[in-house]
Amino acid sequence: MTTPTHMLSGRAEDKIWLGSYPARVPSRLGEPKEQSLAELVSRCCAAYSDRPAFESMGRVLTYRELDQVTRGIAAWLQQQGLAKGDRVAVMMPNILQNPAVVYGILRAGMVVVNVNPLYTPRELEHQLKDSGARAIFVLENFAHTVEQVLGETALTHVVVTRMGDMLGPKGLLVNLVVKHLKKMVPDWSIPGAIPFKRVLSEGNGRQMKPVQLTGADIAFLQYTGGTTGVSKGATLTHANLLANKEQLILWLEAVYERKKRPAQLNFLCALPLYHIFGLTVNSLMGISMGGCNLLIANPRDIPAVIKEWKKHRIHIFPGLNTLFNALMNNADFPSIDFSQMLLVLGGGMAVQRPVAERWQKITGCAITEGYGLSETSPVATANRLDRGEYTGTVGLPLPSTDIEIRDDMGQTLPVGEVGEICIRGPQVMLGYWQRPAETAQVISPDGFFRTGDIGVMDENGYTKIVDRKKDMILVSGFNVYPNEVEEVAMMHPGVLEAAAIGVPDEHSGEAVKLFVVRKDPTLTEEELRHHCAENLTGYKRPRHIEFRHELPKSNVGKILRKELRA
């Protein structure tokens, strides 16, 4: 059998990061335990049957129940005439139905198309048409969006669930409050829509047909945010996701050098499960190790997040810089018991040093920064977990992963030089769904994925993200990277959030504009300019400063520079 190009490795002496590896972490992955995610779910449900797998609004779903409900959903899908490889969309926040449906689709041999529930009709229509999804499971709060695009898609089955459908007797009250008291369900009408509870009841009476799956079969179409053009589906195989969760589990071994391994791991799942970060680092890692994920349906409700956190002993918390910052700016946050924390993983965007240092001071647990993309399932690099320190880098390549810094001609640059970060490993996607030309542009003949991110690797193999190519600001021929400007601004005690962009300037081509949300309402433009002048060389200093009450963010919490540029 021919080894796929992206699985090949360069010479061991070129992998300078291996000298920085933790003692307990191997440099390469072993043979996979399973051939598919369906097999993984089946094995874990049997091995951990009595343990809690997911918890939402006080309702615990055990692994035995997860096995039953996913079998039923898989059987129902198969009974509808859907076949292996058919795409099924999932449009839900973090409620119990989400993992139940996702793993049910996978056990049926079908492909999951994760959809952001807050998509506009235009965005939803593009994703459903591009993926060719034949069915969709949607929370009724967002059914009105599906209604508006239904006639333009290939959908033949629309399953609508309500917030409380898997909460037991309490669910009736939850549904009443959500629809009638909080008025969170806009009117909708979809002829032939199928209630989720009917799917459960019908599925329980049917037998799931086993499907032959291999690592090469497609598991997810994970759509990128469209920041580099039209939204594209990253085609992720079962092998991609299995490899990434295994890489992360191996990397986690190093944390036990510092802290005792708990009998069962508890994850705080505030990242949306439709996003690749939450999907892999929370859900897949969680079930692979028999852990329990505490699902947070609305991470923007910080008081509610803290209230839930206080009820549980949380060991692992993946999050974003903006979420860490928001939590710390709530007066109740320091009252949480952080003594059981093993790992706080920061990704999705740069973790700013002021945020990381304040987090460690309050919680006693460092934020370990990692890096990845939808196209890499997602994690490609991470800092060591046995050090418990903020490095300002995104760490080392995970086992079986190669990182090269390349120039615009695709040539590998020496250590210490800035260029495009390129990734090769078993977690790298097959390509973009039905877009061979765009796939060829980002995956080189030797299997490296061109990320579009600019970075530099040091002599110990640690990579630092400098910025996205598209976000770089050119001032009088000098490169200015927004992350640096934003980090300096965040060092000022009066700044809550900051974002920098380039704006046209008749003298220098572009100039830096800084958008700021104040923490201290008395902060003036003059004070902030003085602070920036103390920490940035002349051409990097903001020429324009605009104070705002809030900055535009994606549903995952990333600050949207593109909206600030609009």
Protein backbone atom coordinates (compact mmCIF):
# COMPACT_ATOMS: atom_id res chain seq x y z
CA MET A 1 0.00 0.00 0.00
CA THR A 2 1.31 3.46 -0.89
CA THR A 3 1.76 5.84 2.05
CA PRO A 4 -0.20 9.10 1.54
CA THR A 5 2.05 12.08 0.91
CA HIS A 6 0.86 13.90 4.00
CA MET A 7 1.95 10.98 6.20
CA LEU A 8 5.59 11.14 5.06
CA SER A 9 8.20 12.69 7.35
CA GLY A 10 11.44 14.52 6.79
CA ARG A 11 14.72 13.63 8.38
CA ALA A 12 14.73 13.28 12.17
CA GLU A 13 17.59 15.78 12.45
CA ASP A 14 15.37 18.43 10.85
CA LYS A 15 12.75 18.06 13.59
CA ILE A 16 14.41 20.34 16.11
CA TRP A 17 11.29 20.38 18.28
CA LEU A 18 11.77 16.75 19.31
CA GLY A 19 14.59 17.82 21.62
CA SER A 20 12.05 19.92 23.52
CA TYR A 21 9.45 17.14 23.93
CA PRO A 22 8.23 16.09 27.39
CA ALA A 23 9.69 12.77 28.52
CA ARG A 24 6.32 11.01 28.60
CA VAL A 25 5.27 12.00 25.09
CA PRO A 26 6.32 9.90 22.06
CA SER A 27 7.34 11.60 18.83
CA ARG A 28 5.04 9.46 16.68
CA LEU A 29 1.53 8.04 16.89
CA GLY A 30 1.11 4.30 17.17
CA GLU A 31 -1.40 2.21 15.26
CA PRO A 32 -4.96 3.55 15.63
CA LYS A 33 -7.16 1.76 18.17
CA GLU A 34 -10.19 2.20 15.92
CA GLN A 35 -10.81 2.54 12.20
CA SER A 36 -13.68 4.99 12.55
CA LEU A 37 -15.38 7.40 14.93
CA ALA A 38 -18.39 5.07 14.92
CA GLU A 39 -16.17 2.32 16.28
CA LEU A 40 -14.76 4.75 18.87
CA VAL A 41 -18.25 5.66 20.13
CA SER A 42 -19.26 2.01 20.33
CA ARG A 43 -16.14 1.05 22.28
CA CYS A 44 -16.31 3.96 24.74
CA CYS A 45 -20.02 3.54 25.43
CA ALA A 46 -19.38 -0.10 26.34
CA ALA A 47 -16.25 0.62 28.40
CA TYR A 48 -17.69 3.53 30.40
CA SER A 49 -21.39 2.62 30.38
CA ASP A 50 -22.25 3.83 33.90
CA ARG A 51 -20.28 7.07 33.73
CA PRO A 52 -21.72 10.47 32.80
CA ALA A 53 -20.79 11.48 29.25
CA PHE A 54 -22.52 14.86 28.91
CA GLU A 55 -24.42 17.11 31.27
CA SER A 56 -26.75 19.99 30.41
CA MET A 57 -29.07 22.03 32.64
CA GLY A 58 -28.73 19.50 35.44
CA ARG A 59 -29.55 16.46 33.25
CA VAL A 60 -26.81 13.85 32.95
CA LEU A 61 -26.52 11.63 29.87
CA THR A 62 -24.59 8.45 30.68
CA TYR A 63 -22.51 6.51 28.17
CA ARG A 64 -25.14 3.75 28.23
CA GLU A 65 -27.82 6.30 27.31
CA LEU A 66 -25.52 7.83 24.68
CA ASP A 67 -25.15 4.39 23.11
CA GLN A 68 -28.90 3.87 23.04
CA VAL A 69 -29.84 7.28 21.65
CA THR A 70 -27.14 7.32 18.97
CA ARG A 71 -28.11 3.82 17.82
CA GLY A 72 -31.72 4.97 17.56
CA ILE A 73 -30.87 8.11 15.56
CA ALA A 74 -28.61 6.09 13.25
CA ALA A 75 -31.35 3.49 12.69
CA TRP A 76 -33.93 6.20 11.95
CA LEU A 77 -31.64 7.89 9.40
CA GLN A 78 -31.01 4.60 7.64
CA GLN A 79 -34.75 3.86 7.58
CA GLN A 80 -35.35 7.15 5.71
CA GLY A 81 -33.36 5.87 2.75
CA LEU A 82 -30.25 7.89 3.53
CA ALA A 83 -27.05 6.00 2.73
CA LYS A 84 -23.39 5.91 3.69
CA GLY A 85 -21.70 9.16 2.71
CA ASP A 86 -24.87 11.27 2.63
CA ARG A 87 -24.47 14.65 4.32
CA VAL A 88 -26.60 15.53 7.33
CA ALA A 89 -26.52 19.05 8.81
CA VAL A 90 -26.64 19.83 12.54
CA MET A 91 -27.74 23.33 13.57
CA MET A 92 -27.73 23.46 17.39
CA PRO A 93 -25.95 25.06 20.33
CA ASN A 94 -24.44 23.02 23.18
CA ILE A 95 -27.43 20.95 24.29
CA LEU A 96 -27.62 17.19 24.80
CA GLN A 97 -29.18 16.70 21.37
CA ASN A 98 -25.99 17.94 19.72
CA PRO A 99 -23.63 15.06 20.59
CA ALA A 100 -26.51 12.59 20.37
CA VAL A 101 -27.24 13.60 16.77
CA VAL A 102 -23.61 14.02 15.68
CA TYR A 103 -22.57 10.59 16.90
CA GLY A 104 -25.80 9.07 15.57
CA ILE A 105 -25.01 10.41 12.10
CA LEU A 106 -21.48 9.00 12.28
CA ARG A 107 -22.71 5.59 13.45
CA ALA A 108 -25.05 5.55 10.44
CA GLY A 109 -22.00 5.97 8.19
CA MET A 110 -23.03 9.46 7.14
CA VAL A 111 -21.21 12.79 7.05
CA VAL A 112 -21.83 15.56 9.61
CA VAL A 113 -22.15 19.12 8.33
CA ASN A 114 -21.83 21.39 11.35
CA VAL A 115 -23.79 24.63 11.04
CA ASN A 116 -23.55 27.78 13.17
CA PRO A 117 -27.09 28.26 14.57
CA LEU A 118 -26.75 32.04 14.26
CA TYR A 119 -26.19 31.94 10.51
CA THR A 120 -28.23 34.28 8.37
CA PRO A 121 -30.40 32.69 5.66
CA ARG A 122 -27.78 33.63 3.04
CA GLU A 123 -24.98 31.89 4.96
CA LEU A 124 -27.10 28.83 5.69
CA GLU A 125 -28.24 28.50 2.09
CA HIS A 126 -24.65 28.55 0.84
CA GLN A 127 -23.54 25.85 3.25
CA LEU A 128 -26.50 23.55 2.64
CA LYS A 129 -26.23 23.88 -1.15
CA ASP A 130 -22.45 23.53 -1.19
CA SER A 131 -22.50 20.41 1.00
CA GLY A 132 -25.54 18.87 -0.68
CA ALA A 133 -27.01 18.04 2.73
CA ARG A 134 -30.13 15.87 2.48
CA ALA A 135 -31.28 16.21 6.09
CA ILE A 136 -30.93 18.74 8.90
CA PHE A 137 -31.45 18.58 12.66
CA VAL A 138 -32.22 22.07 13.95
CA LEU A 139 -33.19 23.61 17.29
CA GLU A 140 -36.63 25.22 16.90
CA ASN A 141 -35.20 28.62 17.88
CA PHE A 142 -33.54 28.64 14.44
CA ALA A 143 -36.15 26.78 12.37
CA HIS A 144 -37.34 30.07 10.85
CA THR A 145 -33.94 30.42 9.17
CA VAL A 146 -34.22 26.94 7.64
CA GLU A 147 -37.74 27.76 6.47
CA GLN A 148 -36.47 30.71 4.44
CA VAL A 149 -33.98 28.66 2.39
CA LEU A 150 -35.61 25.24 2.24
CA GLY A 151 -36.73 25.54 -1.38
CA GLU A 152 -33.19 26.32 -2.55
CA THR A 153 -31.58 23.23 -1.01
CA ALA A 154 -31.48 19.46 -1.48
CA LEU A 155 -33.01 18.86 1.97
CA THR A 156 -35.59 16.07 2.09
CA HIS A 157 -35.82 15.72 5.90
CA VAL A 158 -36.04 18.50 8.50
CA VAL A 159 -35.96 17.37 12.14
CA VAL A 160 -36.84 20.06 14.67
CA THR A 161 -35.94 19.73 18.34
CA ARG A 162 -36.86 21.85 21.34
CA MET A 163 -34.45 22.92 24.06
CA GLY A 164 -35.87 20.54 26.66
CA ASP A 165 -36.39 17.44 24.51
CA MET A 166 -33.69 15.41 26.29
CA LEU A 167 -34.06 16.88 29.79
CA GLY A 168 -36.71 14.46 31.08
CA PRO A 169 -39.75 15.82 32.97
CA LYS A 170 -37.96 19.14 33.50
CA GLY A 171 -37.89 19.58 29.72
CA LEU A 172 -41.57 20.51 29.53
CA LEU A 173 -40.99 23.50 31.77
CA VAL A 174 -37.83 24.47 29.87
CA ASN A 175 -39.71 24.39 26.56
CA LEU A 176 -42.50 26.52 28.03
CA VAL A 177 -40.10 29.14 29.38
CA VAL A 178 -38.00 29.30 26.20
CA LYS A 179 -40.97 29.70 23.87
CA HIS A 180 -43.60 31.60 25.82
CA LEU A 181 -41.84 33.50 28.60
CA LYS A 182 -38.48 34.35 27.02
CA LYS A 183 -39.96 34.52 23.50
CA MET A 184 -36.84 32.90 22.04
CA VAL A 185 -38.62 30.94 19.29
CA PRO A 186 -39.60 33.02 16.25
CA ASP A 187 -42.65 31.77 14.34
CA TRP A 188 -41.87 29.14 11.71
CA SER A 189 -43.74 26.81 9.40
CA ILE A 190 -42.09 23.86 7.64
CA PRO A 191 -44.59 21.38 6.16
CA GLY A 192 -43.50 17.84 6.94
CA ALA A 193 -41.05 18.85 9.68
CA ILE A 194 -40.36 15.92 11.99
CA PRO A 195 -40.30 16.37 15.78
CA PHE A 196 -37.05 15.13 17.32
CA LYS A 197 -38.95 13.09 19.92
CA ARG A 198 -40.62 11.13 17.11
CA VAL A 199 -37.16 10.32 15.72
CA LEU A 200 -36.15 8.99 19.15
CA SER A 201 -39.30 6.88 19.60
CA GLU A 202 -39.21 5.46 16.08
CA GLY A 203 -35.46 4.88 16.17
CA ASN A 204 -35.63 2.94 19.42
CA GLY A 205 -37.83 0.36 17.76
CA ARG A 206 -35.45 -0.23 14.89
CA GLN A 207 -32.12 -1.95 14.46
CA MET A 208 -29.09 0.07 13.42
CA LYS A 209 -27.40 -1.57 10.43
CA PRO A 210 -23.62 -1.81 10.89
CA VAL A 211 -21.74 0.17 8.24
CA GLN A 212 -18.25 -0.68 7.04
CA LEU A 213 -16.13 2.41 7.59
CA THR A 214 -12.41 3.00 7.22
CA GLY A 215 -10.19 5.89 8.21
CA ALA A 216 -10.35 7.20 4.65
CA ASP A 217 -14.12 7.75 4.80
CA ILE A 218 -15.33 11.32 5.29
CA ALA A 219 -16.68 12.13 8.76
CA PHE A 220 -17.20 15.91 8.75
CA LEU A 221 -17.50 18.80 6.35
CA GLN A 222 -16.24 21.55 8.62
CA TYR A 223 -16.87 24.91 7.00
CA THR A 224 -14.31 27.63 7.44
CA GLY A 225 -15.45 31.04 8.55
CA GLY A 226 -15.05 32.49 5.11
CA THR A 227 -12.36 34.94 6.22
CA THR A 228 -10.32 34.22 3.09
CA GLY A 229 -13.19 34.32 0.63
CA VAL A 230 -16.27 32.14 0.20
CA SER A 231 -16.90 29.65 3.02
CA LYS A 232 -15.40 26.26 2.11
CA GLY A 233 -15.92 22.81 3.59
CA ALA A 234 -12.76 21.30 5.05
CA THR A 235 -13.12 17.59 4.27
CA LEU A 236 -12.14 15.74 7.45
CA THR A 237 -11.91 11.96 7.51
CA HIS A 238 -12.40 9.55 10.37
CA ALA A 239 -8.62 9.08 10.39
CA ASN A 240 -8.06 12.85 10.66
CA LEU A 241 -10.21 13.20 13.78
CA LEU A 242 -9.01 9.95 15.37
CA ALA A 243 -5.41 11.04 14.89
CA ASN A 244 -5.94 14.48 16.40
CA LYS A 245 -7.75 13.23 19.49
CA GLU A 246 -4.99 10.64 19.99
CA GLN A 247 -2.28 13.31 19.58
CA LEU A 248 -4.00 15.39 22.25
CA ILE A 249 -4.40 12.45 24.62
CA LEU A 250 -0.69 11.66 24.28
CA TRP A 251 0.17 15.32 24.87
CA LEU A 252 -2.01 15.34 28.00
CA GLU A 253 0.20 12.67 29.57
CA ALA A 254 2.79 15.33 30.44
CA VAL A 255 0.38 17.16 32.74
CA TYR A 256 0.44 14.21 35.15
CA GLU A 257 4.05 15.07 35.93
CA ARG A 258 2.62 17.97 37.94
CA LYS A 259 -0.84 16.88 38.99
CA LYS A 260 -2.54 13.63 39.97
CA ARG A 261 -4.59 11.82 37.33
CA PRO A 262 -8.28 11.95 38.37
CA ALA A 263 -10.52 8.88 38.24
CA GLN A 264 -12.72 10.67 35.70
CA LEU A 265 -11.99 13.85 33.78
CA ASN A 266 -14.55 16.64 33.77
CA PHE A 267 -14.50 19.14 30.90
CA LEU A 268 -16.11 22.57 30.85
CA CYS A 269 -17.56 22.84 27.33
CA ALA A 270 -18.20 26.53 26.67
CA LEU A 271 -16.81 26.31 23.14
CA PRO A 272 -19.61 25.58 20.65
CA LEU A 273 -19.63 21.95 19.57
CA TYR A 274 -20.31 22.94 15.96
CA HIS A 275 -16.85 24.54 15.97
CA ILE A 276 -13.87 22.25 15.36
CA PHE A 277 -12.10 23.35 18.56
CA GLY A 278 -15.00 22.27 20.81
CA LEU A 279 -15.78 19.21 18.70
CA THR A 280 -12.30 17.70 19.01
CA VAL A 281 -10.85 19.08 22.24
CA ASN A 282 -14.04 18.78 24.29
CA SER A 283 -16.31 16.15 22.78
CA LEU A 284 -13.94 13.66 21.11
CA MET A 285 -11.25 13.87 23.77
CA GLY A 286 -13.91 13.60 26.44
CA ILE A 287 -15.56 10.41 25.22
CA SER A 288 -12.22 8.86 24.28
CA MET A 289 -11.13 9.02 27.93
CA GLY A 290 -14.49 8.32 29.54
CA GLY A 291 -14.81 11.93 30.62
CA CYS A 292 -17.86 14.13 31.14
CA ASN A 293 -18.50 17.38 29.29
CA LEU A 294 -20.51 20.04 31.07
CA LEU A 295 -22.31 21.71 28.17
CA ILE A 296 -22.73 25.49 28.25
CA ALA A 297 -25.47 26.52 25.83
CA ASN A 298 -24.76 30.27 26.03
CA PRO A 299 -21.14 31.13 26.92
CA ARG A 300 -21.92 34.84 26.60
CA ASP A 301 -23.96 34.61 29.81
CA ILE A 302 -20.91 34.83 32.05
CA PRO A 303 -22.80 34.74 35.39
CA ALA A 304 -24.54 31.53 34.27
CA VAL A 305 -21.21 29.97 33.21
CA ILE A 306 -19.70 30.73 36.62
CA LYS A 307 -22.78 29.40 38.41
CA GLU A 308 -22.50 26.06 36.54
CA TRP A 309 -18.73 25.89 37.05
CA LYS A 310 -19.17 26.21 40.82
CA LYS A 311 -21.32 23.07 40.89
CA HIS A 312 -18.60 20.87 39.37
CA ARG A 313 -14.97 19.92 39.76
CA ILE A 314 -13.60 20.94 36.39
CA HIS A 315 -10.28 19.47 35.22
CA ILE A 316 -10.00 20.68 31.61
CA PHE A 317 -11.20 23.97 30.16
CA PRO A 318 -10.54 24.84 26.50
CA GLY A 319 -11.33 28.48 25.72
CA LEU A 320 -10.49 31.67 23.86
CA ASN A 321 -8.74 34.85 24.94
CA THR A 322 -12.02 36.80 24.88
CA LEU A 323 -13.77 34.23 27.09
CA PHE A 324 -10.91 34.15 29.61
CA ASN A 325 -10.99 37.92 29.73
CA ALA A 326 -14.77 38.10 30.19
CA LEU A 327 -14.72 35.53 33.00
CA MET A 328 -12.02 37.39 34.91
CA ASN A 329 -13.95 40.64 34.66
CA ASN A 330 -16.83 39.11 36.62
CA ALA A 331 -16.61 39.73 40.37
CA ASP A 332 -17.68 36.14 41.22
CA PHE A 333 -14.99 34.43 39.16
CA PRO A 334 -12.28 34.28 41.89
CA SER A 335 -14.69 32.43 44.21
CA ILE A 336 -14.56 29.29 42.01
CA ASP A 337 -12.55 26.36 43.40
CA PHE A 338 -9.71 25.92 40.88
CA SER A 339 -7.81 23.30 42.89
CA GLN A 340 -8.78 20.45 40.53
CA MET A 341 -7.76 22.21 37.32
CA LEU A 342 -5.30 20.23 35.19
CA LEU A 343 -5.37 22.15 31.93
CA VAL A 344 -6.64 25.42 30.52
CA LEU A 345 -6.10 25.34 26.77
CA GLY A 346 -6.17 28.57 24.79
CA GLY A 347 -6.71 28.53 21.03
CA GLY A 348 -8.77 30.00 18.21
CA MET A 349 -6.98 33.33 18.52
CA ALA A 350 -3.84 34.67 20.19
CA VAL A 351 -3.79 34.52 23.99
CA GLN A 352 -2.54 37.92 25.12
CA ARG A 353 0.15 38.02 27.78
CA PRO A 354 -1.75 40.38 30.12
CA VAL A 355 -4.74 38.03 30.02
CA ALA A 356 -2.58 34.93 30.60
CA GLU A 357 -0.68 36.49 33.50
CA ARG A 358 -3.84 37.68 35.22
CA TRP A 359 -5.49 34.27 34.71
CA GLN A 360 -2.59 32.45 36.34
CA LYS A 361 -2.60 34.90 39.26
CA ILE A 362 -6.31 34.34 39.93
CA THR A 363 -6.61 30.61 39.23
CA GLY A 364 -3.11 29.28 39.88
CA CYS A 365 -3.33 27.45 36.53
CA ALA A 366 -1.52 28.64 33.41
CA ILE A 367 -3.22 29.01 30.05
CA THR A 368 -1.48 26.58 27.69
CA GLU A 369 -1.65 28.00 24.20
CA GLY A 370 -2.05 25.80 21.15
CA TYR A 371 -2.64 26.39 17.47
CA GLY A 372 -4.64 24.88 14.67
CA LEU A 373 -7.32 25.37 12.05
CA SER A 374 -10.46 23.68 10.78
CA GLU A 375 -8.25 22.21 8.07
CA THR A 376 -6.08 20.46 10.70
CA SER A 377 -8.87 18.87 12.79
CA PRO A 378 -7.83 21.36 14.48
CA VAL A 379 -4.73 21.13 16.72
CA ALA A 380 -1.26 21.18 15.16
CA THR A 381 0.92 22.58 17.96
CA ALA A 382 0.71 23.03 21.72
CA ASN A 383 2.91 24.13 24.57
CA ARG A 384 4.21 21.63 27.10
CA LEU A 385 1.77 20.72 29.85
CA ASP A 386 4.40 19.86 32.45
CA ARG A 387 5.79 23.39 32.68
CA GLY A 388 2.73 25.38 33.72
CA GLU A 389 3.89 28.62 32.14
CA TYR A 390 2.84 31.09 29.46
CA THR A 391 5.47 31.17 26.71
CA GLY A 392 4.00 33.63 24.24
CA THR A 393 4.33 30.93 21.57
CA VAL A 394 1.90 28.29 20.29
CA GLY A 395 4.33 25.57 21.33
CA LEU A 396 5.69 22.47 19.62
CA PRO A 397 4.29 20.30 16.81
CA LEU A 398 2.19 17.42 18.17
CA PRO A 399 3.38 13.82 17.65
CA SER A 400 3.59 12.85 13.95
CA THR A 401 3.25 16.50 12.94
CA ASP A 402 5.78 18.50 10.92
CA ILE A 403 5.92 22.30 10.83
CA GLU A 404 7.92 24.27 8.29
CA ILE A 405 8.22 28.03 7.85
CA ARG A 406 8.23 28.75 4.12
CA ASP A 407 8.59 31.81 1.90
CA ASP A 408 6.23 32.89 -0.87
CA MET A 409 8.04 30.58 -3.30
CA GLY A 410 7.45 27.55 -1.06
CA GLN A 411 11.08 27.30 0.07
CA THR A 412 11.78 26.31 3.66
CA LEU A 413 13.31 29.16 5.66
CA PRO A 414 16.03 28.83 8.29
CA VAL A 415 15.23 28.90 12.00
CA GLY A 416 14.47 32.41 13.20
CA GLU A 417 13.15 33.76 9.88
CA VAL A 418 9.53 34.87 9.45
CA GLY A 419 7.35 33.16 6.84
CA GLU A 420 4.19 31.18 6.26
CA ILE A 421 3.45 28.34 8.69
CA CYS A 422 3.00 25.06 6.80
CA ILE A 423 1.72 21.86 8.45
CA ARG A 424 1.95 18.19 7.54
CA GLY A 425 0.46 15.38 9.61
CA PRO A 426 -2.30 12.78 9.88
CA GLN A 427 -4.75 15.48 11.07
CA VAL A 428 -4.51 17.53 7.84
CA MET A 429 -7.72 17.49 5.78
CA LEU A 430 -8.17 15.73 2.46
CA GLY A 431 -8.94 19.10 0.89
CA TYR A 432 -11.82 21.50 0.36
CA TRP A 433 -15.12 19.85 -0.53
CA GLN A 434 -15.50 19.74 -4.30
CA ARG A 435 -12.89 22.47 -4.82
CA PRO A 436 -9.82 20.80 -6.34
CA ALA A 437 -8.31 24.07 -7.59
CA GLU A 438 -8.45 25.70 -4.17
CA THR A 439 -7.19 22.51 -2.55
CA ALA A 440 -4.16 22.54 -4.85
CA GLN A 441 -3.43 26.12 -3.81
CA VAL A 442 -3.17 25.25 -0.11
CA ILE A 443 -1.76 21.70 -0.07
CA SER A 444 1.69 21.40 -1.58
CA PRO A 445 2.86 18.36 -3.58
CA ASP A 446 4.84 17.18 -0.53
CA GLY A 447 1.71 17.25 1.64
CA PHE A 448 2.17 20.49 3.60
CA PHE A 449 -0.91 22.61 4.26
CA ARG A 450 -0.27 26.32 3.73
CA THR A 451 -2.06 28.00 6.61
CA GLY A 452 -1.87 31.63 5.51
CA ASP A 453 -0.55 32.41 9.00
CA ILE A 454 2.78 34.14 9.40
CA GLY A 455 5.12 32.82 12.07
CA VAL A 456 8.65 32.06 13.16
CA MET A 457 10.21 28.99 14.77
CA ASP A 458 12.99 29.34 17.35
CA GLU A 459 16.00 27.08 17.85
CA ASN A 460 14.06 24.89 20.31
CA GLY A 461 11.21 24.22 17.88
CA TYR A 462 8.66 26.60 19.40
CA THR A 463 6.53 28.49 16.89
CA LYS A 464 5.28 32.02 17.41
CA ILE A 465 2.36 33.34 15.36
CA VAL A 466 3.12 36.77 14.00
CA ASP A 467 -0.17 37.28 12.19
CA ARG A 468 -2.44 36.39 9.32
CA LYS A 469 -1.12 37.45 5.93
CA LYS A 470 -4.30 39.36 5.18
CA ASP A 471 -4.24 41.24 8.49
CA MET A 472 -0.70 42.55 8.15
CA ILE A 473 -0.48 46.35 7.99
CA LEU A 474 2.11 47.96 5.72
CA VAL A 475 3.30 51.32 7.04
CA SER A 476 5.88 53.05 4.86
CA GLY A 477 7.22 49.67 3.76
CA PHE A 478 7.40 48.30 7.31
CA ASN A 479 5.30 45.33 8.40
CA VAL A 480 3.05 45.97 11.40
CA TYR A 481 1.30 42.97 12.94
CA PRO A 482 -2.06 43.74 14.64
CA ASN A 483 -1.53 41.12 17.37
CA GLU A 484 1.46 43.05 18.69
CA VAL A 485 -0.38 46.39 18.77
CA GLU A 486 -3.39 44.79 20.45
CA GLU A 487 -1.26 43.06 23.08
CA VAL A 488 0.45 46.34 23.98
CA ALA A 489 -2.91 48.10 24.27
CA MET A 490 -4.20 45.30 26.52
CA MET A 491 -1.29 45.89 28.90
CA HIS A 492 -2.91 49.20 29.91
CA PRO A 493 -5.08 48.62 33.02
CA GLY A 494 -7.83 50.84 31.59
CA VAL A 495 -8.33 48.68 28.46
CA LEU A 496 -10.86 45.83 28.38
CA GLU A 497 -10.53 44.80 24.71
CA ALA A 498 -8.60 46.03 21.69
CA ALA A 499 -8.40 45.40 17.95
CA ALA A 500 -6.06 46.92 15.38
CA ILE A 501 -6.49 47.26 11.61
CA GLY A 502 -4.80 49.09 8.76
CA VAL A 503 -6.51 52.11 7.20
CA PRO A 504 -5.49 54.04 4.06
CA ASP A 505 -3.04 56.91 4.64
CA GLU A 506 -1.83 59.35 1.99
CA HIS A 507 1.60 59.66 3.59
CA SER A 508 2.50 56.10 4.63
CA GLY A 509 0.22 53.96 2.46
CA GLU A 510 -1.47 52.54 5.54
CA ALA A 511 -1.71 53.62 9.15
CA VAL A 512 -2.67 51.73 12.30
CA LYS A 513 -6.15 52.28 13.69
CA LEU A 514 -6.91 50.94 17.16
CA PHE A 515 -10.43 50.18 18.41
CA VAL A 516 -10.73 50.03 22.19
CA VAL A 517 -13.37 49.02 24.72
CA ARG A 518 -12.59 50.77 27.99
CA LYS A 519 -12.41 49.00 31.34
CA ASP A 520 -11.82 52.39 32.98
CA PRO A 521 -14.42 54.87 31.63
CA THR A 522 -12.07 57.78 32.37
CA LEU A 523 -9.33 56.47 30.04
CA THR A 524 -8.45 59.15 27.48
CA GLU A 525 -7.00 58.94 24.01
CA GLU A 526 -3.98 60.90 25.18
CA GLU A 527 -3.21 58.43 27.98
CA LEU A 528 -3.46 55.49 25.61
CA ARG A 529 -1.25 57.18 23.03
CA HIS A 530 1.39 57.78 25.69
CA HIS A 531 1.20 54.12 26.76
CA CYS A 532 1.61 52.91 23.15
CA ALA A 533 4.51 55.31 22.58
CA GLU A 534 6.28 53.73 25.54
CA ASN A 535 5.92 50.23 24.16
CA LEU A 536 5.90 50.50 20.35
CA THR A 537 8.34 51.96 17.86
CA GLY A 538 7.06 54.93 15.87
CA TYR A 539 5.59 53.26 12.78
CA LYS A 540 3.71 50.71 14.90
CA ARG A 541 1.91 53.28 17.03
CA PRO A 542 -1.82 53.81 16.36
CA ARG A 543 -2.42 56.96 14.37
CA HIS A 544 -6.16 56.68 14.97
CA ILE A 545 -7.91 55.54 18.16
CA GLU A 546 -11.64 54.91 18.40
CA PHE A 547 -13.43 54.02 21.62
CA ARG A 548 -16.42 51.67 21.35
CA HIS A 549 -18.83 50.05 23.76
CA GLU A 550 -18.11 46.63 22.25
CA LEU A 551 -16.18 44.98 19.42
CA PRO A 552 -17.78 42.74 16.77
CA LYS A 553 -17.19 39.05 17.48
CA SER A 554 -18.01 35.75 15.86
CA ASN A 555 -20.21 33.33 17.80
CA VAL A 556 -17.03 31.55 18.87
CA GLY A 557 -15.72 34.78 20.39
CA LYS A 558 -13.11 35.88 17.86
CA ILE A 559 -12.86 39.60 17.30
CA LEU A 560 -13.84 40.25 13.68
CA ARG A 561 -11.28 42.62 12.23
CA LYS A 562 -12.95 42.31 8.83
CA GLU A 563 -16.08 44.04 10.21
CA LEU A 564 -13.97 46.81 11.65
CA ARG A 565 -12.41 47.28 8.22
CA ALA A 566 -15.81 47.44 6.50
